[in-house]
Every structure is written in C-alpha cells, then in structure tokens.
C-alpha atoms as a PDB file:
ATOM      1  CA  MET A   1       0.000   0.000   0.000  1.00  0.00           C
ATOM      2  CA  LEU A   2       2.775   2.430   0.924  1.00  0.00           C
ATOM      3  CA  ASP A   3       4.654   1.864  -2.337  1.00  0.00           C
ATOM      4  CA  ARG A   4       1.505   2.333  -4.415  1.00  0.00           C
ATOM      5  CA  LEU A   5       0.528   5.516  -2.620  1.00  0.00           C
ATOM      6  CA  HIS A   6       4.036   6.912  -2.939  1.00  0.00           C
ATOM      7  CA  LYS A   7       4.208   6.061  -6.658  1.00  0.00           C
ATOM      8  CA  ALA A   8       0.849   7.815  -7.066  1.00  0.00           C
ATOM      9  CA  GLY A   9       2.464  11.023  -5.797  1.00  0.00           C
ATOM     10  CA  TRP A  10       1.733  11.047  -2.060  1.00  0.00           C
ATOM     11  CA  LYS A  11       4.863  12.054  -0.114  1.00  0.00           C
ATOM     12  CA  ARG A  12       3.794  12.563   3.512  1.00  0.00           C
ATOM     13  CA  ILE A  13       1.910   9.380   4.358  1.00  0.00           C
ATOM     14  CA  GLY A  14       0.765   9.258   7.959  1.00  0.00           C
ATOM     15  CA  PHE A  15      -0.202   6.219  10.001  1.00  0.00           C
ATOM     16  CA  TYR A  16      -2.589   6.424  12.962  1.00  0.00           C
ATOM     17  CA  LEU A  17      -4.076   3.417  14.753  1.00  0.00           C
ATOM     18  CA  PRO A  18      -4.479   2.490  18.424  1.00  0.00           C
ATOM     19  CA  LYS A  19      -1.518   0.633  19.908  1.00  0.00           C
ATOM     20  CA  VAL A  20      -3.679  -2.441  20.625  1.00  0.00           C
ATOM     21  CA  ILE A  21      -4.318  -3.014  16.906  1.00  0.00           C
ATOM     22  CA  ASP A  22      -0.594  -2.905  16.177  1.00  0.00           C
ATOM     23  CA  TRP A  23       0.047  -5.172  19.167  1.00  0.00           C
ATOM     24  CA  ARG A  24      -2.447  -7.752  17.840  1.00  0.00           C
ATOM     25  CA  THR A  25      -0.421  -7.969  14.630  1.00  0.00           C
ATOM     26  CA  ALA A  26       2.876  -8.387  16.540  1.00  0.00           C
ATOM     27  CA  GLY A  27       3.929  -4.891  15.460  1.00  0.00           C
ATOM     28  CA  ALA A  28       3.515  -5.667  11.757  1.00  0.00           C
ATOM     29  CA  PHE A  29       1.888  -2.319  10.923  1.00  0.00           C
ATOM     30  CA  SER A  30       4.347  -0.057  12.738  1.00  0.00           C
ATOM     31  CA  ALA A  31       7.330  -2.156  11.609  1.00  0.00           C
ATOM     32  CA  ALA A  32       6.216  -1.989   7.985  1.00  0.00           C
ATOM     33  CA  ILE A  33       5.818   1.783   7.967  1.00  0.00           C
ATOM     34  CA  TRP A  34       9.056   2.323   9.902  1.00  0.00           C
ATOM     35  CA  ARG A  35      11.002   0.085   7.486  1.00  0.00           C
ATOM     36  CA  TRP A  36       9.381   1.667   4.444  1.00  0.00           C
ATOM     37  CA  GLN A  37      10.309   5.160   5.650  1.00  0.00           C
ATOM     38  CA  GLN A  38      13.994   4.193   5.773  1.00  0.00           C
ATOM     39  CA  ASN A  39      14.077   4.498   1.962  1.00  0.00           C
ATOM     40  CA  LEU A  40      12.730   8.061   2.058  1.00  0.00           C
ATOM     41  CA  PRO A  41      14.536  11.341   2.659  1.00  0.00           C
ATOM     42  CA  GLU A  42      14.686  12.166   6.376  1.00  0.00           C
ATOM     43  CA  ALA A  43      12.270  15.087   5.856  1.00  0.00           C
ATOM     44  CA  ASP A  44       9.583  12.627   4.725  1.00  0.00           C
ATOM     45  CA  HIS A  45       9.802  10.432   7.848  1.00  0.00           C
ATOM     46  CA  LEU A  46       6.624  10.897   9.860  1.00  0.00           C
ATOM     47  CA  GLU A  47       5.951   9.987  13.474  1.00  0.00           C
ATOM     48  CA  VAL A  48       3.797   6.861  13.607  1.00  0.00           C
ATOM     49  CA  GLY A  49       0.597   7.504  15.552  1.00  0.00           C
ATOM     50  CA  LEU A  50       0.117   4.666  18.040  1.00  0.00           C
ATOM     51  CA  PRO A  51      -1.979   6.179  20.824  1.00  0.00           C
ATOM     52  CA  PRO A  52      -3.018   4.092  23.849  1.00  0.00           C
ATOM     53  CA  GLY A  53      -6.649   4.527  22.769  1.00  0.00           C
ATOM     54  CA  TYR A  54      -8.398   6.049  19.804  1.00  0.00           C
ATOM     55  CA  ASP A  55      -9.489   9.494  20.881  1.00  0.00           C
ATOM     56  CA  GLU A  56     -10.252  12.676  19.037  1.00  0.00           C
ATOM     57  CA  GLU A  57      -8.047  14.979  21.121  1.00  0.00           C
ATOM     58  CA  HIS A  58      -4.892  12.887  20.655  1.00  0.00           C
ATOM     59  CA  PHE A  59      -5.637  12.549  16.936  1.00  0.00           C
ATOM     60  CA  GLY A  60      -5.879  16.326  16.475  1.00  0.00           C
ATOM     61  CA  GLU A  61      -2.611  16.949  18.333  1.00  0.00           C
ATOM     62  CA  TRP A  62      -0.820  14.229  16.351  1.00  0.00           C
ATOM     63  CA  PHE A  63      -2.249  15.387  13.005  1.00  0.00           C
ATOM     64  CA  ARG A  64      -1.249  19.037  13.495  1.00  0.00           C
ATOM     65  CA  ARG A  65       2.264  18.004  14.560  1.00  0.00           C
ATOM     66  CA  VAL A  66       2.837  15.474  11.717  1.00  0.00           C
ATOM     67  CA  ARG A  67       0.860  17.188   8.901  1.00  0.00           C
ATOM     68  CA  PRO A  68       0.284  14.124   6.673  1.00  0.00           C
ATOM     69  CA  GLN A  69      -0.942  14.517   3.087  1.00  0.00           C
ATOM     70  CA  PHE A  70      -2.482  11.051   3.177  1.00  0.00           C
ATOM     71  CA  LEU A  71      -3.532   8.976   6.191  1.00  0.00           C
ATOM     72  CA  ILE A  72      -3.567   5.235   6.763  1.00  0.00           C
ATOM     73  CA  GLY A  73      -6.025   4.579   9.565  1.00  0.00           C
ATOM     74  CA  MET A  74      -9.704   4.169  10.310  1.00  0.00           C
ATOM     75  CA  PRO A  75     -11.525   6.248   7.668  1.00  0.00           C
ATOM     76  CA  GLN A  76     -14.783   7.226   9.347  1.00  0.00           C
ATOM     77  CA  PRO A  77     -13.524   8.447  12.730  1.00  0.00           C
ATOM     78  CA  SER A  78     -10.497  10.094  11.109  1.00  0.00           C
ATOM     79  CA  MET A  79     -12.615  12.026   8.599  1.00  0.00           C
ATOM     80  CA  ASP A  80     -15.124  13.023  11.310  1.00  0.00           C
ATOM     81  CA  TRP A  81     -12.337  14.227  13.607  1.00  0.00           C
ATOM     82  CA  MET A  82     -10.653  16.262  10.852  1.00  0.00           C
ATOM     83  CA  LYS A  83     -13.958  17.954  10.084  1.00  0.00           C
ATOM     84  CA  ARG A  84     -14.773  18.778  13.728  1.00  0.00           C
ATOM     85  CA  ALA A  85     -11.218  20.051  14.360  1.00  0.00           C
ATOM     86  CA  GLY A  86     -11.316  22.307  11.312  1.00  0.00           C
ATOM     87  CA  ILE A  87      -8.428  20.397   9.715  1.00  0.00           C
ATOM     88  CA  LYS A  88      -8.340  20.370   5.942  1.00  0.00           C
ATOM     89  CA  PRO A  89      -9.343  16.759   5.127  1.00  0.00           C
ATOM     90  CA  VAL A  90      -6.831  14.400   3.586  1.00  0.00           C
ATOM     91  CA  PRO A  91      -7.563  11.019   1.964  1.00  0.00           C
ATOM     92  CA  VAL A  92      -7.713   8.067   4.356  1.00  0.00           C
ATOM     93  CA  ALA A  93      -7.042   4.427   3.477  1.00  0.00           C
ATOM     94  CA  MET A  94      -7.662   1.295   5.480  1.00  0.00           C
ATOM     95  CA  PRO A  95      -4.547  -0.611   6.549  1.00  0.00           C
ATOM     96  CA  ALA A  96      -6.558  -3.824   6.372  1.00  0.00           C
ATOM     97  CA  SER A  97      -9.552  -5.070   4.525  1.00  0.00           C
ATOM     98  CA  LEU A  98     -13.178  -4.525   5.257  1.00  0.00           C
ATOM     99  CA  GLU A  99     -15.978  -5.944   3.237  1.00  0.00           C
ATOM    100  CA  PRO A 100     -16.785  -3.616   0.300  1.00  0.00           C
ATOM    101  CA  GLU A 101     -20.205  -2.810   1.769  1.00  0.00           C
ATOM    102  CA  GLU A 102     -18.513  -1.712   5.021  1.00  0.00           C
ATOM    103  CA  ALA A 103     -16.119   0.681   3.277  1.00  0.00           C
ATOM    104  CA  PRO A 104     -17.551   1.712  -0.084  1.00  0.00           C
ATOM    105  CA  GLY A 105     -15.057   3.668  -2.142  1.00  0.00           C
ATOM    106  CA  ILE A 106     -12.269   3.466   0.457  1.00  0.00           C
ATOM    107  CA  THR A 107      -8.774   2.693  -0.785  1.00  0.00           C
ATOM    108  CA  ARG A 108      -7.698  -0.467   1.008  1.00  0.00           C
ATOM    109  CA  VAL A 109      -5.895  -3.769   0.836  1.00  0.00           C
ATOM    110  CA  ASP A 110      -8.149  -6.807   0.538  1.00  0.00           C
ATOM    111  CA  GLU A 111      -6.277  -9.202   2.812  1.00  0.00           C
ATOM    112  CA  ASN A 112      -7.914 -12.232   1.180  1.00  0.00           C
ATOM    113  CA  TRP A 113      -9.378 -13.700   4.378  1.00  0.00           C
ATOM    114  CA  GLU A 114     -10.668 -16.822   2.639  1.00  0.00           C
ATOM    115  CA  ALA A 115      -7.114 -17.768   1.616  1.00  0.00           C
ATOM    116  CA  ILE A 116      -5.867 -16.942   5.129  1.00  0.00           C
ATOM    117  CA  TYR A 117      -8.484 -19.208   6.723  1.00  0.00           C
ATOM    118  CA  LEU A 118      -7.738 -21.998   4.244  1.00  0.00           C
ATOM    119  CA  GLY A 119      -3.985 -21.665   4.909  1.00  0.00           C
ATOM    120  CA  ALA A 120      -4.569 -21.851   8.665  1.00  0.00           C
ATOM    121  CA  VAL A 121      -6.713 -24.962   8.325  1.00  0.00           C
ATOM    122  CA  ARG A 122      -4.117 -26.622   6.084  1.00  0.00           C
ATOM    123  CA  LEU A 123      -1.330 -25.808   8.554  1.00  0.00           C
ATOM    124  CA  LEU A 124      -3.350 -27.162  11.480  1.00  0.00           C
ATOM    125  CA  ASP A 125      -4.251 -30.293   9.497  1.00  0.00           C
ATOM    126  CA  SER A 126      -0.578 -30.860   8.649  1.00  0.00           C
ATOM    127  CA  MET A 127       0.466 -30.435  12.279  1.00  0.00           C
ATOM    128  CA  LEU A 128      -2.171 -32.907  13.482  1.00  0.00           C
ATOM    129  CA  ARG A 129      -1.252 -35.468  10.806  1.00  0.00           C
ATOM    130  CA  HIS A 130       2.384 -35.287  11.904  1.00  0.00           C
ATOM    131  CA  GLY A 131       1.550 -35.739  15.587  1.00  0.00           C
ATOM    132  CA  GLU A 132       2.444 -32.189  16.590  1.00  0.00           C
ATOM    133  CA  ARG A 133       0.586 -31.060  19.713  1.00  0.00           C
ATOM    134  CA  GLY A 134       0.693 -27.943  21.846  1.00  0.00           C
ATOM    135  CA  ILE A 135       2.404 -24.655  21.182  1.00  0.00           C
ATOM    136  CA  PRO A 136       5.349 -25.133  18.798  1.00  0.00           C
ATOM    137  CA  ASP A 137       8.848 -24.173  19.953  1.00  0.00           C
ATOM    138  CA  SER A 138       9.225 -22.096  16.797  1.00  0.00           C
ATOM    139  CA  PRO A 139       5.984 -20.323  15.811  1.00  0.00           C
ATOM    140  CA  ARG A 140       5.076 -20.531  12.135  1.00  0.00           C
ATOM    141  CA  ARG A 141       3.662 -17.743  10.048  1.00  0.00           C
ATOM    142  CA  THR A 142       2.184 -18.127   6.607  1.00  0.00           C
ATOM    143  CA  ALA A 143       2.116 -15.075   4.351  1.00  0.00           C
ATOM    144  CA  ILE A 144      -0.876 -14.632   2.075  1.00  0.00           C
ATOM    145  CA  ALA A 145      -0.591 -11.706  -0.324  1.00  0.00           C
ATOM    146  CA  GLY A 146      -3.288  -9.065  -0.222  1.00  0.00           C
ATOM    147  CA  ARG A 147      -4.861  -7.320  -3.191  1.00  0.00           C
ATOM    148  CA  TRP A 148      -4.806  -3.532  -3.715  1.00  0.00           C
ATOM    149  CA  VAL A 149      -8.306  -2.050  -4.053  1.00  0.00           C
ATOM    150  CA  PRO A 150      -8.127   1.567  -5.264  1.00  0.00           C
ATOM    151  CA  GLY A 151     -10.995   3.766  -4.179  1.00  0.00           C
ATOM    152  CA  GLN A 152     -12.322   7.257  -4.220  1.00  0.00           C
ATOM    153  CA  TRP A 153     -12.296   9.684  -1.325  1.00  0.00           C
ATOM    154  CA  GLY A 154     -14.256  12.899  -1.317  1.00  0.00           C
ATOM    155  CA  LYS A 155     -13.851  14.784  -4.571  1.00  0.00           C
ATOM    156  CA  GLY A 156     -10.456  13.348  -5.513  1.00  0.00           C
ATOM    157  CA  SER A 157      -9.042   9.920  -5.993  1.00  0.00           C
ATOM    158  CA  ALA A 158      -7.063   8.433  -3.136  1.00  0.00           C
ATOM    159  CA  THR A 159      -4.627   7.287  -5.787  1.00  0.00           C
ATOM    160  CA  ARG A 160      -4.541  10.645  -7.581  1.00  0.00           C
ATOM    161  CA  GLY A 161      -6.248   9.242 -10.649  1.00  0.00           C
ATOM    162  CA  LYS A 162      -4.012   6.185 -10.970  1.00  0.00           C
ATOM    163  CA  SER A 163      -5.495   2.707 -10.593  1.00  0.00           C
END
C-alpha cells in the first residue's frame, strides 16, 4: 500500500491506529511503515501515531504536529475528527480489509481472508497429521498476499487518478 501511494504522488503518508491493533499484529503495521520510511529522505519520515486509545483529542494533536498529506487509519472516525477540528481533510485508506459494503469507495488492501483461513486450516491439518501437539517451539507464520483495491475519497481519488 505504501509503495503504491508513494508512486501515485503522495509524499507525507501518515499512520494512525491504536496501539492495541498494532500489538495484535505483533507490530507488523508499525514495523512496515518504519522500514518503508527508511528508503525516504529524512524530511519525509513521519511519526507513527500509536496512541493508547483512539481518541479525538490525541488525533488532532498528532495530526497538526505530523501534517500528513495522506492517512492510513480508520476512515470514518479520522474524517469526522478532521472535520470537527477544522483540519483540511486528507484522503484516508484502510490498513486492512473490510468488506466492500462496510467501506464503499475506500482505498484499502483486501487481505484475502478466505485464503488466510484456508492456509490456517491446512497448517493445522498438517500439524495434526504429523503428531504435533501444543504450542510449537518455533511459531510458524504463513504469508498470504493481499490485493490492492483503489478507491475514491471525497472529490479526488485516493490514488490521484491512478489505478
């Protein structure tokens, strides 16, 4: 998602999600954005927003300090908070998939949950067939590629006209 947004012309891409969401993914979100920023000029590195909770006051303080041109976070609360705080709205993309009816027109990554579930079942089946029980000494992770879903936001395209 970060590469696609950057190639579409977005330079200051902000990230704002509650710490618990990042924790549930073993830091995958914050690690990905931190690593991705290492390839950018220092001036384009933005503070990752990982508040303890998801509150409007903290969001406004973070947003004014970081000044992102594009935001990866929860679209509806973020857009509502920008409006109420008098902040000029910026496009917002989901860091993870929602069903299309839950996020119509929102730029997002479809994480392909059906393939994830199938992969988990296959892994569990394999472990059981090989007599593996309990928590493994070395945890296993299976990567299933997501699919980019470009969307519209407000009057402009979240991908600046590029699909």
